[in-house]
N, C-alpha and C. Protein backbone atom coordinates (compact mmCIF):
# COMPACT_ATOMS: atom_id res chain seq x y z
N MET A 1 -39.40 -50.04 15.48
CA MET A 1 -39.99 -50.05 16.92
C MET A 1 -41.35 -50.36 16.73
N LEU A 2 -42.00 -50.96 17.78
CA LEU A 2 -43.54 -51.30 17.40
C LEU A 2 -44.30 -49.97 18.07
N SER A 3 -44.62 -49.56 17.21
CA SER A 3 -45.58 -47.93 17.30
C SER A 3 -46.94 -48.56 17.80
N GLU A 4 -47.81 -47.34 18.25
CA GLU A 4 -48.97 -47.41 18.67
C GLU A 4 -49.97 -47.60 17.34
N ASN A 5 -49.40 -47.17 16.15
CA ASN A 5 -50.34 -47.36 15.19
C ASN A 5 -50.39 -48.60 14.86
N ASN A 6 -48.93 -49.43 14.69
CA ASN A 6 -49.37 -50.76 14.05
C ASN A 6 -49.53 -51.38 14.89
N ALA A 7 -49.15 -51.09 16.28
CA ALA A 7 -49.74 -52.25 17.64
C ALA A 7 -51.33 -52.40 17.48
N THR A 8 -52.12 -50.96 17.29
CA THR A 8 -53.43 -51.31 17.14
C THR A 8 -53.85 -52.20 16.08
N GLU A 9 -53.20 -52.17 14.66
CA GLU A 9 -53.41 -52.98 13.67
C GLU A 9 -53.23 -54.27 14.08
N SER A 10 -51.96 -54.83 14.81
CA SER A 10 -51.73 -55.76 15.24
C SER A 10 -53.06 -56.77 16.20
N LEU A 11 -53.27 -55.52 17.13
CA LEU A 11 -54.55 -55.94 18.14
C LEU A 11 -55.66 -56.39 17.14
N LEU A 12 -56.20 -55.35 16.34
CA LEU A 12 -57.43 -55.38 15.39
C LEU A 12 -57.19 -56.94 14.94
N ALA A 13 -55.96 -57.36 14.28
CA ALA A 13 -56.04 -58.74 13.76
C ALA A 13 -55.71 -59.78 14.66
N GLY A 14 -55.61 -59.64 15.96
CA GLY A 14 -55.81 -60.95 16.88
C GLY A 14 -54.82 -61.46 17.07
N ALA A 15 -53.39 -60.68 16.59
CA ALA A 15 -52.16 -61.33 16.60
C ALA A 15 -51.72 -61.15 18.17
N TRP A 16 -52.08 -60.36 19.15
CA TRP A 16 -51.88 -60.35 20.41
C TRP A 16 -52.84 -60.18 21.34
N THR A 17 -53.43 -60.23 22.61
CA THR A 17 -54.22 -59.55 23.35
C THR A 17 -53.40 -57.99 24.11
N PHE A 18 -54.61 -57.38 24.27
CA PHE A 18 -54.12 -56.18 24.65
C PHE A 18 -53.20 -56.07 25.92
N ASP A 19 -53.38 -57.02 26.66
CA ASP A 19 -52.04 -56.77 27.63
C ASP A 19 -50.95 -56.99 27.10
N GLU A 20 -50.75 -58.08 26.30
CA GLU A 20 -49.55 -58.08 25.36
C GLU A 20 -49.10 -57.13 24.79
N LEU A 21 -49.74 -56.47 23.84
CA LEU A 21 -49.74 -55.57 23.19
C LEU A 21 -49.04 -54.30 23.94
N CYS A 22 -49.26 -54.00 25.14
CA CYS A 22 -49.08 -53.05 25.76
C CYS A 22 -47.65 -53.21 26.55
N ALA A 23 -47.60 -54.29 27.19
CA ALA A 23 -46.22 -54.88 27.39
C ALA A 23 -45.27 -55.10 26.26
N GLU A 24 -45.51 -54.88 24.96
CA GLU A 24 -44.46 -54.87 23.87
C GLU A 24 -44.17 -53.66 23.53
N ILE A 25 -45.43 -52.79 23.62
CA ILE A 25 -44.82 -51.55 23.61
C ILE A 25 -43.99 -50.60 24.69
N ALA A 26 -44.27 -51.04 25.83
CA ALA A 26 -43.61 -50.52 26.79
C ALA A 26 -41.98 -51.29 26.60
N LYS A 27 -41.99 -52.58 26.28
CA LYS A 27 -40.74 -53.02 26.17
C LYS A 27 -39.93 -52.25 25.21
N ALA A 28 -40.40 -52.00 23.93
CA ALA A 28 -39.80 -51.19 22.90
C ALA A 28 -39.12 -49.73 23.38
N ARG A 29 -40.40 -49.26 23.96
CA ARG A 29 -39.99 -47.97 24.53
C ARG A 29 -38.87 -48.02 25.23
N ARG A 30 -38.86 -48.95 26.64
CA ARG A 30 -38.04 -48.90 27.37
C ARG A 30 -36.52 -49.06 26.50
N GLU A 31 -36.36 -50.01 25.72
CA GLU A 31 -35.02 -50.22 24.82
C GLU A 31 -34.38 -49.02 24.11
N HIS A 32 -35.52 -47.98 23.89
CA HIS A 32 -34.93 -46.69 23.30
C HIS A 32 -34.36 -45.96 24.09
N LEU A 33 -35.01 -45.94 25.47
CA LEU A 33 -34.63 -44.97 26.36
C LEU A 33 -33.64 -45.51 26.84
N PHE A 34 -33.31 -46.46 27.12
CA PHE A 34 -31.91 -46.99 27.64
C PHE A 34 -30.83 -46.88 26.59
N LYS A 35 -30.82 -47.03 25.30
CA LYS A 35 -29.64 -46.46 24.26
C LYS A 35 -29.61 -44.84 24.45
N ILE A 36 -30.96 -44.07 24.85
CA ILE A 36 -30.30 -42.63 24.64
C ILE A 36 -29.73 -42.40 25.72
N VAL A 37 -29.75 -42.98 27.04
CA VAL A 37 -29.28 -42.43 28.33
C VAL A 37 -28.02 -43.42 28.33
N GLU A 38 -27.89 -44.48 27.77
CA GLU A 38 -26.33 -44.85 27.68
C GLU A 38 -25.40 -44.21 26.99
N GLN A 39 -25.95 -43.47 25.81
CA GLN A 39 -25.41 -42.71 24.84
C GLN A 39 -24.68 -41.17 25.54
N MET A 40 -26.07 -40.88 26.31
CA MET A 40 -25.65 -39.33 26.80
C MET A 40 -25.28 -39.32 28.19
N LYS A 41 -25.50 -40.17 28.95
CA LYS A 41 -25.39 -40.05 30.25
C LYS A 41 -24.24 -39.14 30.96
N PRO A 42 -24.50 -38.86 31.99
CA PRO A 42 -25.70 -38.49 32.83
C PRO A 42 -26.60 -37.59 32.12
N MET A 43 -28.02 -38.22 32.38
CA MET A 43 -29.13 -37.21 32.41
C MET A 43 -30.02 -37.08 33.24
N THR A 44 -31.08 -36.01 33.27
CA THR A 44 -32.13 -35.72 33.81
C THR A 44 -33.11 -36.52 33.21
N VAL A 45 -34.30 -36.63 34.00
CA VAL A 45 -35.35 -37.24 33.25
C VAL A 45 -35.85 -36.18 31.93
N ARG A 46 -36.16 -34.74 32.40
CA ARG A 46 -36.51 -34.22 31.28
C ARG A 46 -35.51 -34.29 30.20
N GLN A 47 -34.14 -34.50 30.08
CA GLN A 47 -33.16 -34.46 28.75
C GLN A 47 -33.93 -35.54 28.50
N VAL A 48 -33.95 -36.90 29.05
CA VAL A 48 -34.10 -38.03 28.57
C VAL A 48 -35.61 -37.78 27.50
N PHE A 49 -36.58 -37.22 28.39
CA PHE A 49 -37.83 -36.96 27.71
C PHE A 49 -37.70 -35.98 26.47
N TYR A 50 -37.26 -35.00 26.58
CA TYR A 50 -37.13 -34.23 25.32
C TYR A 50 -36.61 -35.36 24.53
N GLN A 51 -35.21 -36.06 24.40
CA GLN A 51 -34.45 -36.97 23.39
C GLN A 51 -35.63 -37.79 22.82
N ALA A 52 -36.34 -38.56 23.58
CA ALA A 52 -37.52 -39.54 23.11
C ALA A 52 -38.38 -38.77 22.42
N SER A 53 -38.94 -37.72 22.72
CA SER A 53 -40.14 -36.91 22.08
C SER A 53 -39.58 -36.44 20.56
N VAL A 54 -38.13 -36.12 20.53
CA VAL A 54 -37.65 -35.92 19.23
C VAL A 54 -37.44 -36.89 18.17
N ARG A 55 -37.30 -38.13 18.83
CA ARG A 55 -36.82 -39.16 18.21
C ARG A 55 -38.51 -39.89 17.88
N GLY A 56 -39.53 -39.21 18.41
CA GLY A 56 -40.88 -40.21 18.09
C GLY A 56 -41.19 -41.07 18.88
N ILE A 57 -40.40 -41.33 19.90
CA ILE A 57 -40.61 -42.44 21.05
C ILE A 57 -41.73 -42.19 21.67
N VAL A 58 -41.79 -40.80 21.87
CA VAL A 58 -43.07 -40.93 23.28
C VAL A 58 -43.67 -39.23 22.55
N GLU A 59 -44.97 -39.20 23.12
CA GLU A 59 -45.33 -37.55 22.47
C GLU A 59 -44.96 -36.89 23.34
N LYS A 60 -44.89 -35.53 22.85
CA LYS A 60 -44.48 -34.33 23.63
C LYS A 60 -45.30 -33.92 24.65
N THR A 61 -46.19 -34.36 25.32
CA THR A 61 -47.12 -34.15 26.42
C THR A 61 -46.83 -34.49 27.54
N GLU A 62 -47.36 -34.21 28.84
CA GLU A 62 -47.52 -34.55 30.21
C GLU A 62 -47.81 -35.96 29.97
N ALA A 63 -48.28 -36.50 29.26
CA ALA A 63 -48.53 -38.07 29.64
C ALA A 63 -47.40 -38.98 28.83
N GLY A 64 -47.01 -38.04 27.74
CA GLY A 64 -45.39 -38.64 27.28
C GLY A 64 -44.36 -38.33 28.62
N TYR A 65 -44.24 -37.49 29.08
CA TYR A 65 -43.22 -37.33 30.17
C TYR A 65 -43.61 -38.53 31.11
N ASN A 66 -44.73 -38.41 31.74
CA ASN A 66 -44.89 -39.60 32.55
C ASN A 66 -44.25 -40.87 32.27
N LYS A 67 -44.78 -41.06 30.95
CA LYS A 67 -44.28 -42.43 30.57
C LYS A 67 -42.59 -42.74 30.52
N VAL A 68 -42.16 -41.64 30.26
CA VAL A 68 -40.69 -41.55 30.44
C VAL A 68 -40.34 -41.82 31.82
N GLN A 69 -40.76 -41.23 32.82
CA GLN A 69 -40.44 -40.85 33.87
C GLN A 69 -40.70 -42.37 34.76
N VAL A 70 -41.74 -42.96 34.43
CA VAL A 70 -42.19 -44.36 34.82
C VAL A 70 -41.37 -45.52 34.49
N ASP A 71 -40.82 -45.23 32.77
CA ASP A 71 -40.33 -46.17 32.55
C ASP A 71 -38.95 -46.13 33.56
N LEU A 72 -38.38 -45.11 33.09
CA LEU A 72 -36.71 -44.97 34.18
C LEU A 72 -36.77 -45.41 35.50
N VAL A 73 -37.80 -44.99 36.08
CA VAL A 73 -37.86 -45.67 37.62
C VAL A 73 -37.82 -47.12 37.66
N LEU A 74 -38.59 -47.72 36.84
CA LEU A 74 -38.85 -49.25 36.59
C LEU A 74 -37.45 -49.59 36.28
N MET A 75 -37.01 -49.13 35.50
CA MET A 75 -35.60 -49.49 34.75
C MET A 75 -34.60 -49.34 35.95
N ARG A 76 -34.59 -48.66 36.94
CA ARG A 76 -33.60 -48.41 37.60
C ARG A 76 -33.62 -48.88 38.67
N ARG A 77 -34.97 -49.46 39.24
CA ARG A 77 -35.20 -50.65 40.28
C ARG A 77 -34.86 -51.63 40.02
N SER A 78 -35.18 -52.12 38.47
CA SER A 78 -34.92 -53.67 38.43
C SER A 78 -33.42 -53.80 37.95
N GLY A 79 -32.60 -52.94 37.96
CA GLY A 79 -31.13 -53.03 37.79
C GLY A 79 -30.83 -52.81 36.21
N VAL A 80 -31.79 -52.52 35.68
CA VAL A 80 -31.34 -52.43 34.10
C VAL A 80 -30.39 -51.29 33.90
N LEU A 81 -30.79 -50.11 34.65
CA LEU A 81 -30.47 -48.51 34.27
C LEU A 81 -29.57 -48.34 35.55
N PRO A 82 -28.07 -48.04 35.74
CA PRO A 82 -27.60 -47.61 36.74
C PRO A 82 -27.93 -46.51 37.26
N TYR A 83 -27.91 -46.43 38.41
CA TYR A 83 -28.57 -45.16 39.01
C TYR A 83 -27.53 -43.83 38.49
N GLY A 84 -26.31 -44.31 38.59
CA GLY A 84 -25.69 -43.15 37.93
C GLY A 84 -25.46 -42.18 37.00
N TRP A 85 -26.30 -42.97 35.92
CA TRP A 85 -26.53 -42.57 34.48
C TRP A 85 -27.82 -41.37 34.31
N LEU A 86 -28.64 -41.18 35.64
CA LEU A 86 -29.56 -40.37 35.75
C LEU A 86 -28.99 -39.16 36.75
N ALA A 87 -29.57 -37.91 36.54
CA ALA A 87 -28.76 -36.92 37.02
C ALA A 87 -30.16 -36.48 37.86
N ASP A 88 -29.91 -35.76 39.15
CA ASP A 88 -30.96 -34.81 39.55
C ASP A 88 -30.57 -33.83 40.28
N ASN A 89 -30.53 -32.85 39.50
CA ASN A 89 -29.98 -31.26 39.60
C ASN A 89 -30.56 -30.56 40.73
N THR A 90 -31.80 -31.44 41.19
CA THR A 90 -32.69 -30.37 41.85
C THR A 90 -32.18 -30.85 43.55
N ARG A 91 -31.30 -31.67 43.94
CA ARG A 91 -31.07 -32.05 45.10
C ARG A 91 -29.30 -31.91 45.51
N TRP A 92 -29.12 -30.93 46.38
CA TRP A 92 -27.62 -30.33 46.48
C TRP A 92 -27.41 -30.99 48.09
N GLN A 93 -26.43 -31.60 48.26
CA GLN A 93 -25.81 -31.82 49.67
C GLN A 93 -24.65 -30.93 49.66
N ARG A 94 -24.91 -30.08 51.19
CA ARG A 94 -24.03 -29.56 51.72
C ARG A 94 -23.03 -30.11 52.98
N LYS A 95 -22.17 -30.03 52.76
CA LYS A 95 -21.28 -30.83 53.57
C LYS A 95 -19.51 -30.29 53.45
N PRO A 96 -19.27 -29.90 54.59
CA PRO A 96 -17.75 -29.53 54.09
C PRO A 96 -16.86 -30.56 53.92
N ARG A 97 -15.90 -30.10 53.34
CA ARG A 97 -14.71 -31.15 53.02
C ARG A 97 -13.90 -31.30 54.03
N THR A 98 -13.64 -32.71 54.58
CA THR A 98 -13.01 -33.13 55.83
C THR A 98 -12.07 -34.04 55.34
N PHE A 99 -10.87 -34.45 56.04
CA PHE A 99 -9.82 -35.29 55.97
C PHE A 99 -9.84 -35.84 57.24
N ARG A 100 -8.76 -36.99 57.29
CA ARG A 100 -8.59 -37.90 58.20
C ARG A 100 -7.33 -37.21 59.17
N SER A 101 -6.50 -36.40 58.25
CA SER A 101 -5.24 -35.85 58.87
C SER A 101 -4.95 -34.72 57.84
N PRO A 102 -3.97 -33.91 58.77
CA PRO A 102 -3.21 -33.14 57.87
C PRO A 102 -2.56 -33.05 56.74
N GLN A 103 -1.94 -34.44 56.79
CA GLN A 103 -1.09 -34.70 55.50
C GLN A 103 -2.02 -35.01 54.69
N GLU A 104 -3.41 -36.10 54.66
CA GLU A 104 -4.22 -36.26 53.81
C GLU A 104 -5.08 -34.86 53.36
N ALA A 105 -4.92 -33.90 53.94
CA ALA A 105 -5.58 -32.62 53.53
C ALA A 105 -4.41 -31.80 52.63
N LEU A 106 -3.23 -31.94 52.72
CA LEU A 106 -2.13 -31.38 51.97
C LEU A 106 -2.02 -32.09 50.76
N GLU A 107 -2.39 -33.63 50.81
CA GLU A 107 -2.29 -34.25 49.39
C GLU A 107 -3.73 -33.88 48.44
N ARG A 108 -4.89 -33.50 49.16
CA ARG A 108 -5.59 -33.48 48.50
C ARG A 108 -5.72 -32.09 47.97
N THR A 109 -5.17 -31.20 48.50
CA THR A 109 -5.34 -29.80 48.00
C THR A 109 -4.33 -29.96 46.79
N ALA A 110 -3.04 -30.35 47.10
CA ALA A 110 -2.45 -30.46 45.75
C ALA A 110 -2.97 -31.13 44.49
N TYR A 111 -3.76 -32.37 44.69
CA TYR A 111 -4.31 -33.11 43.73
C TYR A 111 -5.53 -32.10 43.10
N PHE A 112 -6.08 -31.25 43.78
CA PHE A 112 -7.36 -30.64 43.54
C PHE A 112 -6.80 -29.35 42.99
N TYR A 113 -5.48 -28.91 43.22
CA TYR A 113 -5.01 -27.54 42.52
C TYR A 113 -5.23 -27.12 41.06
N ARG A 114 -5.94 -26.42 40.93
CA ARG A 114 -6.15 -25.75 39.90
C ARG A 114 -5.76 -23.93 39.41
N LYS A 115 -4.92 -23.90 38.72
CA LYS A 115 -4.61 -22.41 38.39
C LYS A 115 -5.94 -21.74 37.92
N ASP A 116 -5.90 -20.46 38.36
CA ASP A 116 -6.98 -19.42 38.11
C ASP A 116 -6.89 -18.91 36.52
N LEU A 117 -7.32 -19.39 35.51
CA LEU A 117 -7.13 -19.12 34.31
C LEU A 117 -7.25 -17.65 34.03
N TRP A 118 -8.45 -17.11 34.67
CA TRP A 118 -8.79 -15.59 34.68
C TRP A 118 -8.21 -14.82 35.29
N ALA A 119 -7.60 -15.06 35.93
CA ALA A 119 -6.50 -14.33 37.10
C ALA A 119 -6.34 -12.71 36.74
N ASP A 120 -5.53 -12.78 35.33
CA ASP A 120 -5.11 -11.55 34.70
C ASP A 120 -6.33 -11.14 33.43
N ALA A 121 -7.29 -11.43 33.36
CA ALA A 121 -8.00 -11.08 32.55
C ALA A 121 -8.45 -9.79 32.84
N ASP A 122 -8.84 -9.09 32.04
CA ASP A 122 -9.50 -7.56 31.87
C ASP A 122 -10.92 -7.65 31.92
N ALA A 123 -11.55 -8.88 32.18
CA ALA A 123 -12.87 -9.20 32.21
C ALA A 123 -13.50 -10.12 32.69
N TYR A 124 -14.65 -10.16 32.91
CA TYR A 124 -15.17 -11.49 33.87
C TYR A 124 -16.31 -11.90 32.82
N VAL A 125 -16.15 -13.29 32.96
CA VAL A 125 -16.75 -14.01 31.85
C VAL A 125 -17.47 -15.29 32.58
N GLU A 126 -18.96 -15.11 32.37
CA GLU A 126 -19.79 -16.25 32.92
C GLU A 126 -20.94 -16.65 32.16
N VAL A 127 -21.44 -17.90 31.88
CA VAL A 127 -22.16 -18.20 31.12
C VAL A 127 -23.65 -18.72 31.73
N TRP A 128 -24.66 -17.94 31.19
CA TRP A 128 -26.02 -18.28 32.14
C TRP A 128 -26.71 -19.25 30.83
N LEU A 129 -27.52 -20.05 31.92
CA LEU A 129 -28.47 -21.08 30.81
C LEU A 129 -29.95 -21.33 31.42
N GLU A 130 -30.79 -21.30 30.84
CA GLU A 130 -32.03 -21.07 31.14
C GLU A 130 -32.80 -22.35 31.27
N LYS A 131 -32.03 -23.28 30.76
CA LYS A 131 -32.47 -25.02 31.07
C LYS A 131 -31.73 -25.52 31.80
N ASP A 132 -31.99 -25.94 32.83
CA ASP A 132 -31.39 -26.90 33.75
C ASP A 132 -31.01 -28.04 32.73
N ALA A 133 -31.70 -28.63 32.27
CA ALA A 133 -31.74 -30.16 31.55
C ALA A 133 -30.43 -30.21 30.80
N LEU A 134 -30.16 -28.54 30.23
CA LEU A 134 -28.93 -28.55 29.08
C LEU A 134 -27.76 -28.48 30.12
N SER A 135 -27.57 -28.53 31.46
CA SER A 135 -26.47 -28.10 31.97
C SER A 135 -25.22 -29.21 31.86
N GLY A 136 -26.00 -30.52 32.04
CA GLY A 136 -24.88 -31.61 31.77
C GLY A 136 -24.37 -31.57 30.16
N VAL A 137 -24.71 -31.06 29.49
CA VAL A 137 -24.11 -30.63 28.18
C VAL A 137 -23.05 -29.67 28.37
N VAL A 138 -23.34 -28.44 29.03
CA VAL A 138 -22.91 -27.21 28.83
C VAL A 138 -21.86 -27.47 29.60
N TYR A 139 -21.82 -27.67 30.89
CA TYR A 139 -20.86 -28.01 31.62
C TYR A 139 -19.34 -28.44 31.35
N PRO A 140 -19.47 -29.64 30.90
CA PRO A 140 -18.19 -30.12 30.37
C PRO A 140 -17.15 -28.58 30.06
N VAL A 141 -17.64 -27.73 28.93
CA VAL A 141 -16.97 -26.88 28.36
C VAL A 141 -16.78 -25.92 29.11
N THR A 142 -17.67 -25.32 29.86
CA THR A 142 -17.22 -24.35 30.79
C THR A 142 -16.27 -24.90 31.72
N GLU A 143 -16.36 -25.89 32.56
CA GLU A 143 -15.44 -26.36 33.40
C GLU A 143 -13.89 -26.15 32.75
N LYS A 144 -14.05 -26.82 31.31
CA LYS A 144 -12.95 -26.86 30.95
C LYS A 144 -11.84 -25.77 30.37
N PHE A 145 -12.59 -24.43 30.53
CA PHE A 145 -12.30 -22.86 30.58
C PHE A 145 -12.19 -22.26 31.14
N ASP A 146 -12.50 -22.98 32.63
CA ASP A 146 -12.75 -22.53 33.91
C ASP A 146 -13.85 -20.74 34.03
N ILE A 147 -14.69 -21.45 33.37
CA ILE A 147 -15.72 -20.39 33.49
C ILE A 147 -17.07 -20.74 34.26
N PRO A 148 -17.78 -20.06 35.04
CA PRO A 148 -18.62 -20.12 35.76
C PRO A 148 -19.96 -20.50 35.04
N LEU A 149 -20.57 -21.42 35.54
CA LEU A 149 -21.80 -22.01 34.76
C LEU A 149 -23.21 -21.45 35.50
N MET A 150 -23.71 -20.68 35.45
CA MET A 150 -25.22 -20.02 36.00
C MET A 150 -26.63 -20.51 35.58
N ILE A 151 -27.21 -21.53 36.18
CA ILE A 151 -28.35 -22.32 35.84
C ILE A 151 -29.69 -21.20 36.31
N ALA A 152 -30.50 -20.84 35.32
CA ALA A 152 -31.49 -19.88 35.73
C ALA A 152 -32.75 -20.79 36.31
N ARG A 153 -32.68 -22.38 35.84
CA ARG A 153 -33.87 -23.21 36.22
C ARG A 153 -34.90 -23.37 35.58
N GLY A 154 -34.77 -23.46 33.93
CA GLY A 154 -35.91 -23.06 33.24
C GLY A 154 -36.40 -24.83 32.89
């Protein structure tokens, strides 16, 4: 990847103009962000930022977070990054489940039926998570075992 350090060297050597250099750095960063999201989708912006910062793609600062956020917006709007690959766990829709007919209601109920795995247990189990950004990773496991996942919004 074109880092900011070797980018500065290229600029000083006259290989690129400043605008060309900035565009190349952004392009390389976006390619890395795409690969991260492609491998771990769906992800929140914060999850992408954490992955990018630990991989050295952006600095772990507010400025680094802003770069990731702006890049993801531009990638989504340009059609490069599918909208479904990013999750926004802060927005919830509340709508009752409705059906076109009693027959459809019965069919859907049968389809979604799931046995309560904990009905005869002597204990109640739930998992609490302090980082909402990790919920997409933890929920598939808790869902598999019918364990409620409580997010504390950290």
